[in-house]
Amino acid sequence: MPETTPDPPTADPAELPTVEDPTGPSSAELPTTVDTPRLERVYRHLARTGGDSVDGIAEALDLRSHALVTVLTVLDRRGAVERVDGEYVVRTLGEAG
């Protein structure tokens, strides 16, 4: 009779450790001005991609362009992002202000 391998034990998802997104900033690295889930979502996308157009962000995050422009305006006014050559990019720490 062939030898069978037992199934690996399954873990409760609630007990699994959480892992920070390795391509985006950790919570500690978020500017204090990025203080809502929607702002954080857009900011993390820009940090992960290195920059994107309004249409690119809207498509990637499944957001309406007019709502996204409001979010980007808030992030820009708060010094978290800036527009460069038609794309929004995350400002580096020394540039905010």
Protein backbone atom coordinates (compact mmCIF):
# COMPACT_ATOMS: atom_id res chain seq x y z
CA MET A 1 0.00 0.00 0.00
CA PRO A 2 1.41 3.47 -0.92
CA GLU A 3 2.49 5.70 1.90
CA THR A 4 0.30 8.79 2.33
CA THR A 5 1.45 12.14 3.54
CA PRO A 6 -0.80 13.80 6.09
CA ASP A 7 -2.31 17.14 5.16
CA PRO A 8 -0.51 20.09 6.74
CA PRO A 9 -2.38 21.68 9.61
CA THR A 10 -4.46 24.70 8.69
CA ALA A 11 -4.03 27.92 10.61
CA ASP A 12 -6.75 30.27 11.66
CA PRO A 13 -6.24 33.43 9.52
CA ALA A 14 -6.77 35.55 12.63
CA GLU A 15 -3.71 33.91 14.18
CA LEU A 16 -1.40 34.47 11.20
CA PRO A 17 1.11 37.30 11.59
CA THR A 18 0.49 40.41 9.58
CA VAL A 19 3.11 41.44 7.07
CA GLU A 20 3.74 45.01 5.98
CA ASP A 21 3.62 45.64 2.24
CA PRO A 22 7.31 45.41 1.30
CA THR A 23 6.84 47.83 -1.59
CA GLY A 24 5.03 50.55 0.30
CA PRO A 25 5.76 52.59 3.38
CA SER A 26 5.03 51.14 6.80
CA SER A 27 2.59 52.95 9.06
CA ALA A 28 5.54 54.55 10.83
CA GLU A 29 6.74 56.02 7.52
CA LEU A 30 3.44 57.64 6.57
CA PRO A 31 3.43 61.41 6.93
CA THR A 32 1.15 62.59 9.73
CA THR A 33 -0.81 64.52 7.11
CA VAL A 34 -1.92 61.23 5.54
CA ASP A 35 -4.58 60.65 8.15
CA THR A 36 -7.56 58.97 6.47
CA PRO A 37 -7.93 55.58 4.80
CA ARG A 38 -8.58 57.12 1.38
CA LEU A 39 -5.54 59.41 1.60
CA GLU A 40 -3.43 56.49 2.79
CA ARG A 41 -4.60 54.24 -0.04
CA VAL A 42 -3.65 56.77 -2.73
CA TYR A 43 -0.38 57.68 -0.99
CA ARG A 44 0.65 54.00 -0.69
CA HIS A 45 -0.13 53.46 -4.39
CA LEU A 46 2.12 56.37 -5.35
CA ALA A 47 4.87 55.19 -3.01
CA ARG A 48 4.67 51.68 -4.46
CA THR A 49 4.60 52.75 -8.13
CA GLY A 50 6.94 55.72 -7.96
CA GLY A 51 4.29 57.97 -9.50
CA ASP A 52 1.20 57.75 -11.66
CA SER A 53 -1.27 59.83 -13.63
CA VAL A 54 -4.80 60.55 -12.42
CA ASP A 55 -6.16 58.03 -14.92
CA GLY A 56 -3.60 55.41 -13.88
CA ILE A 57 -4.35 55.83 -10.18
CA ALA A 58 -8.10 55.80 -10.80
CA GLU A 59 -7.84 52.57 -12.77
CA ALA A 60 -5.47 50.86 -10.34
CA LEU A 61 -7.52 51.73 -7.28
CA ASP A 62 -10.95 51.61 -8.94
CA LEU A 63 -11.77 55.20 -8.00
CA ARG A 64 -13.70 57.83 -9.93
CA SER A 65 -11.43 60.50 -11.37
CA HIS A 66 -13.30 63.44 -9.84
CA ALA A 67 -13.13 61.91 -6.34
CA LEU A 68 -9.46 61.09 -6.86
CA VAL A 69 -8.61 64.66 -7.89
CA THR A 70 -10.02 65.82 -4.54
CA VAL A 71 -7.81 63.32 -2.68
CA LEU A 72 -4.74 64.33 -4.69
CA THR A 73 -5.44 68.02 -4.06
CA VAL A 74 -5.58 67.37 -0.31
CA LEU A 75 -2.35 65.34 -0.41
CA ASP A 76 -0.66 68.06 -2.48
CA ARG A 77 -1.80 70.90 -0.19
CA ARG A 78 -0.58 68.92 2.82
CA GLY A 79 2.84 68.45 1.22
CA ALA A 80 2.64 64.64 0.87
CA VAL A 81 2.65 64.50 -2.94
CA GLU A 82 3.43 66.77 -5.85
CA ARG A 83 2.70 66.82 -9.57
CA VAL A 84 5.71 66.35 -11.83
CA ASP A 85 5.43 66.08 -15.62
CA GLY A 86 1.75 65.10 -15.51
CA GLU A 87 2.16 62.48 -12.78
CA TYR A 88 1.70 62.63 -9.03
CA VAL A 89 4.67 61.47 -6.98
CA VAL A 90 5.38 61.15 -3.27
CA ARG A 91 7.51 63.98 -1.94
CA THR A 92 10.68 62.94 -0.21
CA LEU A 93 10.99 63.84 3.46
CA GLY A 94 13.21 66.84 2.82
CA GLU A 95 10.77 68.33 0.29
CA ALA A 96 7.59 68.44 2.38
CA GLY A 97 6.75 71.73 3.90
